[in-house]
Amino acid sequence: MSEATVRAAVKTVLDGVSNKGLAYDYERWQSTWDAYLTLFKTTIDSIDQIRAWTISCTSFTQERVEFRTEGKAGLLRTYQYVIRGYLGLDDSAATEKTAIALAEDVIEALDDATTIRPPTAGFYDAQPAQLRTFEPRMFGDVLCHYMEIGVAIQEFLST
């Protein structure tokens, strides 16, 4: 296993969320705001808007473990992921409600995902996802709803 395998599993889960907009399995960057914003623009229900998500592994820790009942020893690696969502704010369309519903959909998909739950692919466990931040933020020159979801995923690496 590797971080790339875990990240791919998280991206698969995110891809399964309907009406999420665009999804990237890494933080996107460009040299100008205009070029950067185009990476996050999509059309949903005939409306052009900012609606996108990114996935970042912010850290991982390891500890030695021994499962005596199974006779296994190895490392338990815990990856910390941050999934950031952006939705263009439109007060007349009450997009705050849409944004919180999208955050809930992503969290529920992560919590229900068999791809990041045992015993699939050697993963040990995934903690329940958490909505850590939900607030309006400027995204370039566009006011957006900003959502930050955290999830910890553990993987057992036999030694």
N, C-alpha and C. Protein backbone atom coordinates (compact mmCIF):
# COMPACT_ATOMS: atom_id res chain seq x y z
N MET A 1 0.83 -1.18 0.00
CA MET A 1 0.00 0.00 0.00
C MET A 1 0.87 1.25 0.00
N SER A 2 0.25 2.35 -0.31
CA SER A 2 0.95 3.63 -0.32
C SER A 2 -0.07 4.74 -0.12
N GLU A 3 0.45 5.92 0.14
CA GLU A 3 -0.44 7.07 0.29
C GLU A 3 -1.23 7.27 -1.00
N ALA A 4 -0.61 7.04 -2.13
CA ALA A 4 -1.29 7.21 -3.42
C ALA A 4 -2.51 6.29 -3.53
N THR A 5 -2.41 5.08 -3.01
CA THR A 5 -3.53 4.14 -3.04
C THR A 5 -4.68 4.63 -2.16
N VAL A 6 -4.32 5.14 -1.00
CA VAL A 6 -5.35 5.66 -0.08
C VAL A 6 -6.02 6.89 -0.70
N ARG A 7 -5.20 7.79 -1.25
CA ARG A 7 -5.74 9.00 -1.89
C ARG A 7 -6.69 8.64 -3.04
N ALA A 8 -6.32 7.64 -3.83
CA ALA A 8 -7.17 7.20 -4.94
C ALA A 8 -8.50 6.69 -4.42
N ALA A 9 -8.49 6.00 -3.28
CA ALA A 9 -9.75 5.52 -2.69
C ALA A 9 -10.62 6.69 -2.25
N VAL A 10 -10.01 7.72 -1.67
CA VAL A 10 -10.77 8.91 -1.26
C VAL A 10 -11.34 9.61 -2.49
N LYS A 11 -10.55 9.71 -3.55
CA LYS A 11 -11.02 10.36 -4.79
C LYS A 11 -12.19 9.59 -5.39
N THR A 12 -12.13 8.26 -5.37
CA THR A 12 -13.23 7.44 -5.87
C THR A 12 -14.52 7.72 -5.10
N VAL A 13 -14.39 7.86 -3.80
CA VAL A 13 -15.56 8.18 -2.97
C VAL A 13 -16.11 9.56 -3.36
N LEU A 14 -15.23 10.55 -3.46
CA LEU A 14 -15.66 11.90 -3.82
C LEU A 14 -16.31 11.93 -5.20
N ASP A 15 -15.76 11.17 -6.14
CA ASP A 15 -16.33 11.12 -7.49
C ASP A 15 -17.76 10.57 -7.49
N GLY A 16 -18.11 9.78 -6.50
CA GLY A 16 -19.44 9.20 -6.44
C GLY A 16 -20.51 10.12 -5.89
N VAL A 17 -20.14 11.30 -5.43
CA VAL A 17 -21.11 12.25 -4.87
C VAL A 17 -21.74 13.04 -6.02
N SER A 18 -23.06 12.99 -6.12
CA SER A 18 -23.73 13.67 -7.23
C SER A 18 -23.75 15.18 -7.03
N ASN A 19 -23.67 15.90 -8.14
CA ASN A 19 -23.71 17.36 -8.18
C ASN A 19 -22.61 18.03 -7.38
N LYS A 20 -21.52 17.31 -7.15
CA LYS A 20 -20.42 17.89 -6.39
C LYS A 20 -19.64 18.91 -7.19
N GLY A 21 -19.74 18.85 -8.51
CA GLY A 21 -18.91 19.69 -9.36
C GLY A 21 -17.63 18.95 -9.71
N LEU A 22 -16.55 19.68 -9.80
CA LEU A 22 -15.26 19.08 -10.15
C LEU A 22 -14.58 18.52 -8.91
N ALA A 23 -13.74 17.52 -9.10
CA ALA A 23 -12.99 16.93 -7.99
C ALA A 23 -11.57 16.65 -8.44
N TYR A 24 -10.63 17.09 -7.62
CA TYR A 24 -9.22 16.87 -7.90
C TYR A 24 -8.59 16.12 -6.73
N ASP A 25 -7.65 15.25 -7.03
CA ASP A 25 -7.01 14.49 -5.97
C ASP A 25 -5.72 15.14 -5.47
N TYR A 26 -5.63 16.44 -5.68
CA TYR A 26 -4.51 17.23 -5.15
C TYR A 26 -4.91 18.70 -5.17
N GLU A 27 -4.12 19.54 -4.47
CA GLU A 27 -4.35 20.97 -4.48
C GLU A 27 -3.91 21.53 -5.82
N ARG A 28 -4.76 22.31 -6.43
CA ARG A 28 -4.46 22.90 -7.73
C ARG A 28 -3.86 24.30 -7.55
N TRP A 29 -2.96 24.67 -8.46
CA TRP A 29 -2.31 25.99 -8.41
C TRP A 29 -2.09 26.49 -9.83
N GLN A 30 -2.15 27.79 -10.00
CA GLN A 30 -1.83 28.45 -11.26
C GLN A 30 -1.13 29.76 -10.96
N SER A 31 -0.50 30.33 -11.96
CA SER A 31 0.27 31.55 -11.74
C SER A 31 -0.59 32.82 -11.71
N THR A 32 -1.83 32.74 -12.21
CA THR A 32 -2.72 33.91 -12.15
C THR A 32 -4.08 33.47 -11.59
N TRP A 33 -4.78 34.44 -11.00
CA TRP A 33 -6.10 34.13 -10.44
C TRP A 33 -7.07 33.67 -11.51
N ASP A 34 -7.06 34.32 -12.67
CA ASP A 34 -7.99 33.92 -13.73
C ASP A 34 -7.77 32.46 -14.15
N ALA A 35 -6.52 32.09 -14.34
CA ALA A 35 -6.22 30.70 -14.72
C ALA A 35 -6.60 29.75 -13.59
N TYR A 36 -6.35 30.18 -12.36
CA TYR A 36 -6.68 29.35 -11.20
C TYR A 36 -8.19 29.12 -11.10
N LEU A 37 -8.97 30.19 -11.23
CA LEU A 37 -10.42 30.08 -11.11
C LEU A 37 -11.03 29.18 -12.19
N THR A 38 -10.44 29.17 -13.38
CA THR A 38 -11.00 28.32 -14.44
C THR A 38 -10.94 26.84 -14.07
N LEU A 39 -9.99 26.47 -13.19
CA LEU A 39 -9.90 25.07 -12.75
C LEU A 39 -11.08 24.66 -11.87
N PHE A 40 -11.80 25.64 -11.34
CA PHE A 40 -12.88 25.38 -10.40
C PHE A 40 -14.26 25.72 -10.95
N LYS A 41 -14.31 26.16 -12.20
CA LYS A 41 -15.59 26.54 -12.81
C LYS A 41 -16.21 25.34 -13.52
N THR A 42 -17.50 25.19 -13.33
CA THR A 42 -18.24 24.12 -13.98
C THR A 42 -19.67 24.61 -14.24
N THR A 43 -20.44 23.81 -14.92
CA THR A 43 -21.85 24.14 -15.18
C THR A 43 -22.71 23.06 -14.54
N ILE A 44 -23.59 23.48 -13.64
CA ILE A 44 -24.54 22.59 -12.98
C ILE A 44 -25.92 23.18 -13.19
N ASP A 45 -26.85 22.39 -13.69
CA ASP A 45 -28.22 22.86 -13.96
C ASP A 45 -28.22 24.14 -14.81
N SER A 46 -27.40 24.16 -15.85
CA SER A 46 -27.28 25.28 -16.79
C SER A 46 -26.74 26.56 -16.16
N ILE A 47 -26.13 26.48 -14.99
CA ILE A 47 -25.57 27.65 -14.31
C ILE A 47 -24.06 27.48 -14.21
N ASP A 48 -23.32 28.45 -14.79
CA ASP A 48 -21.87 28.45 -14.65
C ASP A 48 -21.53 28.93 -13.24
N GLN A 49 -20.65 28.20 -12.58
CA GLN A 49 -20.35 28.55 -11.19
C GLN A 49 -19.03 27.94 -10.75
N ILE A 50 -18.54 28.43 -9.63
CA ILE A 50 -17.42 27.80 -8.94
C ILE A 50 -18.02 26.67 -8.12
N ARG A 51 -17.59 25.44 -8.37
CA ARG A 51 -18.06 24.29 -7.59
C ARG A 51 -17.03 23.18 -7.77
N ALA A 52 -16.16 23.03 -6.78
CA ALA A 52 -15.08 22.05 -6.91
C ALA A 52 -14.55 21.64 -5.54
N TRP A 53 -13.82 20.52 -5.56
CA TRP A 53 -13.24 19.92 -4.36
C TRP A 53 -11.80 19.52 -4.63
N THR A 54 -10.97 19.61 -3.60
CA THR A 54 -9.60 19.13 -3.68
C THR A 54 -9.31 18.21 -2.49
N ILE A 55 -8.36 17.32 -2.66
CA ILE A 55 -7.97 16.37 -1.62
C ILE A 55 -6.48 16.57 -1.33
N SER A 56 -6.14 16.71 -0.06
CA SER A 56 -4.74 16.83 0.35
C SER A 56 -4.45 15.91 1.51
N CYS A 57 -3.32 15.26 1.47
CA CYS A 57 -2.81 14.53 2.63
C CYS A 57 -1.93 15.52 3.37
N THR A 58 -2.34 15.91 4.58
CA THR A 58 -1.60 16.93 5.31
C THR A 58 -0.53 16.35 6.22
N SER A 59 -0.66 15.08 6.58
CA SER A 59 0.35 14.43 7.41
C SER A 59 0.02 12.96 7.55
N PHE A 60 0.98 12.20 8.07
CA PHE A 60 0.66 10.85 8.54
C PHE A 60 1.59 10.49 9.67
N THR A 61 1.08 9.67 10.56
CA THR A 61 1.84 9.18 11.70
C THR A 61 1.88 7.67 11.63
N GLN A 62 2.83 7.08 12.37
CA GLN A 62 2.94 5.63 12.41
C GLN A 62 3.17 5.17 13.84
N GLU A 63 2.70 3.97 14.13
CA GLU A 63 3.02 3.34 15.40
C GLU A 63 3.15 1.84 15.18
N ARG A 64 4.02 1.23 15.95
CA ARG A 64 4.18 -0.22 15.87
C ARG A 64 3.04 -0.86 16.64
N VAL A 65 2.46 -1.90 16.03
CA VAL A 65 1.35 -2.60 16.66
C VAL A 65 1.54 -4.10 16.52
N GLU A 66 0.89 -4.82 17.41
CA GLU A 66 0.90 -6.28 17.35
C GLU A 66 -0.52 -6.76 17.63
N PHE A 67 -1.05 -7.54 16.71
CA PHE A 67 -2.35 -8.15 16.88
C PHE A 67 -2.13 -9.58 17.33
N ARG A 68 -2.12 -9.77 18.61
CA ARG A 68 -1.78 -11.08 19.17
C ARG A 68 -2.76 -12.17 18.76
N THR A 69 -4.05 -11.83 18.68
CA THR A 69 -5.03 -12.85 18.32
C THR A 69 -4.85 -13.32 16.88
N GLU A 70 -4.31 -12.46 16.04
CA GLU A 70 -4.10 -12.81 14.63
C GLU A 70 -2.65 -13.15 14.33
N GLY A 71 -1.77 -12.96 15.32
CA GLY A 71 -0.36 -13.25 15.11
C GLY A 71 0.30 -12.32 14.11
N LYS A 72 -0.15 -11.08 14.02
CA LYS A 72 0.40 -10.11 13.07
C LYS A 72 1.07 -8.97 13.82
N ALA A 73 2.14 -8.48 13.26
CA ALA A 73 2.81 -7.30 13.78
C ALA A 73 3.14 -6.40 12.60
N GLY A 74 3.21 -5.12 12.86
CA GLY A 74 3.54 -4.20 11.79
C GLY A 74 3.37 -2.76 12.21
N LEU A 75 3.13 -1.93 11.24
CA LEU A 75 2.93 -0.51 11.49
C LEU A 75 1.49 -0.14 11.20
N LEU A 76 0.95 0.69 12.05
CA LEU A 76 -0.36 1.28 11.80
C LEU A 76 -0.11 2.72 11.40
N ARG A 77 -0.35 3.01 10.13
CA ARG A 77 -0.11 4.35 9.60
C ARG A 77 -1.45 5.07 9.52
N THR A 78 -1.49 6.29 10.04
CA THR A 78 -2.71 7.10 10.02
C THR A 78 -2.49 8.32 9.15
N TYR A 79 -3.21 8.38 8.05
CA TYR A 79 -3.14 9.50 7.12
C TYR A 79 -4.20 10.53 7.51
N GLN A 80 -3.83 11.79 7.53
CA GLN A 80 -4.76 12.88 7.77
C GLN A 80 -5.04 13.56 6.43
N TYR A 81 -6.30 13.52 6.03
CA TYR A 81 -6.70 14.16 4.77
C TYR A 81 -7.58 15.37 5.04
N VAL A 82 -7.41 16.38 4.19
CA VAL A 82 -8.27 17.55 4.17
C VAL A 82 -8.91 17.61 2.80
N ILE A 83 -10.22 17.64 2.78
CA ILE A 83 -10.99 17.76 1.54
C ILE A 83 -11.63 19.15 1.57
N ARG A 84 -11.21 19.98 0.63
CA ARG A 84 -11.69 21.36 0.59
C ARG A 84 -12.70 21.52 -0.53
N GLY A 85 -13.82 22.15 -0.19
CA GLY A 85 -14.86 22.40 -1.18
C GLY A 85 -15.10 23.87 -1.35
N TYR A 86 -15.44 24.27 -2.59
CA TYR A 86 -15.71 25.66 -2.92
C TYR A 86 -16.99 25.72 -3.73
N LEU A 87 -17.88 26.60 -3.34
CA LEU A 87 -19.12 26.82 -4.09
C LEU A 87 -19.37 28.32 -4.15
N GLY A 88 -19.52 28.84 -5.38
CA GLY A 88 -19.79 30.26 -5.55
C GLY A 88 -21.02 30.68 -4.77
N LEU A 89 -20.89 31.75 -4.01
CA LEU A 89 -21.97 32.23 -3.15
C LEU A 89 -22.94 33.08 -3.97
N ASP A 90 -24.22 32.75 -3.87
CA ASP A 90 -25.28 33.51 -4.52
C ASP A 90 -26.44 33.59 -3.53
N ASP A 91 -26.54 34.72 -2.85
CA ASP A 91 -27.55 34.88 -1.81
C ASP A 91 -28.97 34.68 -2.35
N SER A 92 -29.23 35.16 -3.56
CA SER A 92 -30.59 35.03 -4.10
C SER A 92 -30.97 33.58 -4.36
N ALA A 93 -29.98 32.71 -4.50
CA ALA A 93 -30.24 31.28 -4.71
C ALA A 93 -30.07 30.46 -3.43
N ALA A 94 -29.84 31.15 -2.31
CA ALA A 94 -29.66 30.48 -1.01
C ALA A 94 -28.61 29.38 -1.08
N THR A 95 -27.46 29.70 -1.68
CA THR A 95 -26.44 28.68 -1.89
C THR A 95 -25.83 28.17 -0.59
N GLU A 96 -26.04 28.86 0.51
CA GLU A 96 -25.55 28.32 1.78
C GLU A 96 -26.19 26.95 2.04
N LYS A 97 -27.47 26.82 1.72
CA LYS A 97 -28.16 25.54 1.92
C LYS A 97 -27.59 24.46 1.00
N THR A 98 -27.29 24.84 -0.23
CA THR A 98 -26.69 23.89 -1.17
C THR A 98 -25.31 23.46 -0.69
N ALA A 99 -24.53 24.43 -0.21
CA ALA A 99 -23.17 24.13 0.23
C ALA A 99 -23.16 23.18 1.43
N ILE A 100 -24.00 23.42 2.41
CA ILE A 100 -24.01 22.55 3.59
C ILE A 100 -24.52 21.16 3.21
N ALA A 101 -25.47 21.10 2.29
CA ALA A 101 -25.95 19.80 1.82
C ALA A 101 -24.85 19.04 1.09
N LEU A 102 -24.06 19.74 0.29
CA LEU A 102 -22.93 19.09 -0.39
C LEU A 102 -21.91 18.58 0.62
N ALA A 103 -21.61 19.38 1.63
CA ALA A 103 -20.67 18.94 2.67
C ALA A 103 -21.19 17.69 3.36
N GLU A 104 -22.48 17.67 3.67
CA GLU A 104 -23.08 16.48 4.28
C GLU A 104 -22.98 15.27 3.37
N ASP A 105 -23.24 15.48 2.08
CA ASP A 105 -23.16 14.37 1.12
C ASP A 105 -21.74 13.79 1.06
N VAL A 106 -20.75 14.66 1.05
CA VAL A 106 -19.36 14.19 1.01
C VAL A 106 -19.01 13.44 2.29
N ILE A 107 -19.41 13.98 3.43
CA ILE A 107 -19.14 13.32 4.72
C ILE A 107 -19.82 11.97 4.79
N GLU A 108 -21.07 11.91 4.39
CA GLU A 108 -21.80 10.63 4.41
C GLU A 108 -21.17 9.62 3.47
N ALA A 109 -20.73 10.07 2.30
CA ALA A 109 -20.08 9.16 1.36
C ALA A 109 -18.77 8.62 1.94
N LEU A 110 -18.00 9.48 2.59
CA LEU A 110 -16.76 9.03 3.22
C LEU A 110 -17.05 8.04 4.34
N ASP A 111 -18.05 8.36 5.16
CA ASP A 111 -18.37 7.49 6.29
C ASP A 111 -18.93 6.14 5.84
N ASP A 112 -19.61 6.10 4.70
CA ASP A 112 -20.22 4.87 4.21
C ASP A 112 -19.32 4.06 3.28
N ALA A 113 -18.20 4.64 2.87
CA ALA A 113 -17.38 4.03 1.83
C ALA A 113 -16.77 2.71 2.24
N THR A 114 -17.05 1.69 1.47
CA THR A 114 -16.42 0.39 1.72
C THR A 114 -14.98 0.38 1.23
N THR A 115 -14.62 1.32 0.35
CA THR A 115 -13.25 1.35 -0.16
C THR A 115 -12.26 1.85 0.89
N ILE A 116 -12.73 2.50 1.95
CA ILE A 116 -11.82 2.96 2.99
C ILE A 116 -12.19 2.40 4.36
N ARG A 117 -12.86 1.27 4.34
CA ARG A 117 -13.24 0.57 5.57
C ARG A 117 -12.69 -0.84 5.52
N PRO A 118 -12.44 -1.47 6.65
CA PRO A 118 -11.91 -2.84 6.63
C PRO A 118 -12.92 -3.81 6.04
N PRO A 119 -12.51 -4.91 5.51
CA PRO A 119 -11.13 -5.36 5.33
C PRO A 119 -10.60 -5.08 3.94
N THR A 120 -11.23 -4.21 3.18
CA THR A 120 -10.85 -3.97 1.79
C THR A 120 -9.44 -3.42 1.65
N ALA A 121 -8.67 -3.99 0.78
CA ALA A 121 -7.38 -3.46 0.33
C ALA A 121 -6.37 -3.22 1.44
N GLY A 122 -6.53 -3.88 2.58
CA GLY A 122 -5.54 -3.75 3.63
C GLY A 122 -5.71 -2.54 4.52
N PHE A 123 -6.75 -1.74 4.30
CA PHE A 123 -6.98 -0.61 5.18
C PHE A 123 -7.48 -1.12 6.51
N TYR A 124 -7.11 -0.44 7.55
CA TYR A 124 -7.53 -0.88 8.88
C TYR A 124 -8.82 -0.19 9.30
N ASP A 125 -8.90 1.12 9.11
CA ASP A 125 -10.08 1.83 9.59
C ASP A 125 -10.06 3.25 9.04
N ALA A 126 -11.21 3.88 9.08
CA ALA A 126 -11.33 5.31 8.78
C ALA A 126 -12.20 5.91 9.86
N GLN A 127 -11.73 7.00 10.43
CA GLN A 127 -12.50 7.68 11.45
C GLN A 127 -13.65 8.42 10.78
N PRO A 128 -14.72 8.72 11.53
CA PRO A 128 -15.80 9.51 10.93
C PRO A 128 -15.27 10.86 10.44
N ALA A 129 -15.70 11.26 9.27
CA ALA A 129 -15.28 12.53 8.70
C ALA A 129 -15.89 13.67 9.51
N GLN A 130 -15.19 14.80 9.52
CA GLN A 130 -15.61 15.96 10.30
C GLN A 130 -15.65 17.20 9.42
N LEU A 131 -16.71 17.99 9.54
CA LEU A 131 -16.74 19.30 8.89
C LEU A 131 -16.03 20.27 9.83
N ARG A 132 -14.82 20.66 9.45
CA ARG A 132 -14.00 21.49 10.34
C ARG A 132 -14.22 22.98 10.12
N THR A 133 -14.54 23.35 8.89
CA THR A 133 -14.75 24.77 8.58
C THR A 133 -15.87 24.89 7.56
N PHE A 134 -16.77 25.82 7.81
CA PHE A 134 -17.83 26.15 6.85
C PHE A 134 -18.05 27.65 6.98
N GLU A 135 -17.60 28.41 5.97
CA GLU A 135 -17.68 29.86 6.07
C GLU A 135 -17.56 30.49 4.69
N PRO A 136 -18.00 31.74 4.56
CA PRO A 136 -17.77 32.44 3.30
C PRO A 136 -16.31 32.91 3.24
N ARG A 137 -15.72 32.80 2.06
CA ARG A 137 -14.34 33.25 1.84
C ARG A 137 -14.20 33.79 0.43
N MET A 138 -13.28 34.72 0.28
CA MET A 138 -12.95 35.17 -1.06
C MET A 138 -12.06 34.11 -1.71
N PHE A 139 -12.41 33.77 -2.90
CA PHE A 139 -11.68 32.79 -3.69
C PHE A 139 -11.27 33.52 -4.95
N GLY A 140 -10.07 34.09 -4.96
CA GLY A 140 -9.72 35.04 -6.00
C GLY A 140 -10.60 36.26 -5.80
N ASP A 141 -11.33 36.64 -6.82
CA ASP A 141 -12.25 37.77 -6.69
C ASP A 141 -13.71 37.31 -6.60
N VAL A 142 -13.92 36.03 -6.23
CA VAL A 142 -15.27 35.47 -6.14
C VAL A 142 -15.56 35.09 -4.69
N LEU A 143 -16.67 35.56 -4.17
CA LEU A 143 -17.09 35.16 -2.83
C LEU A 143 -17.68 33.76 -2.92
N CYS A 144 -17.16 32.85 -2.09
CA CYS A 144 -17.57 31.45 -2.14
C CYS A 144 -17.89 30.93 -0.75
N HIS A 145 -18.62 29.85 -0.72
CA HIS A 145 -18.74 29.05 0.50
C HIS A 145 -17.51 28.17 0.51
N TYR A 146 -16.82 28.14 1.64
CA TYR A 146 -15.63 27.31 1.79
C TYR A 146 -15.95 26.22 2.81
N MET A 147 -15.70 24.97 2.41
CA MET A 147 -15.94 23.82 3.28
C MET A 147 -14.65 23.06 3.44
N GLU A 148 -14.33 22.71 4.67
CA GLU A 148 -13.12 21.93 4.93
C GLU A 148 -13.50 20.72 5.76
N ILE A 149 -13.30 19.56 5.16
CA ILE A 149 -13.65 18.29 5.79
C ILE A 149 -12.36 17.54 6.11
N GLY A 150 -12.27 17.04 7.32
CA GLY A 150 -11.11 16.25 7.72
C GLY A 150 -11.49 14.81 7.91
N VAL A 151 -10.62 13.90 7.51
CA VAL A 151 -10.83 12.49 7.73
C VAL A 151 -9.48 11.81 7.94
N ALA A 152 -9.45 10.93 8.93
CA ALA A 152 -8.25 10.14 9.22
C ALA A 152 -8.47 8.70 8.76
N ILE A 153 -7.53 8.20 7.99
CA ILE A 153 -7.65 6.85 7.46
C ILE A 153 -6.41 6.06 7.89
N GLN A 154 -6.64 4.91 8.48
CA GLN A 154 -5.56 4.08 8.97
C GLN A 154 -5.32 2.90 8.05
N GLU A 155 -4.05 2.54 7.92
CA GLU A 155 -3.64 1.42 7.08
C GLU A 155 -2.67 0.57 7.88
N PHE A 156 -2.84 -0.72 7.81
CA PHE A 156 -1.92 -1.65 8.48
C PHE A 156 -0.87 -2.11 7.49
N LEU A 157 0.38 -1.94 7.87
CA LEU A 157 1.51 -2.35 7.03
C LEU A 157 2.25 -3.45 7.78
N SER A 158 2.20 -4.67 7.29
CA SER A 158 2.88 -5.76 7.99
C SER A 158 4.39 -5.63 7.78
N THR A 159 5.13 -6.04 8.81
CA THR A 159 6.60 -5.94 8.73
C THR A 159 7.21 -7.33 8.77
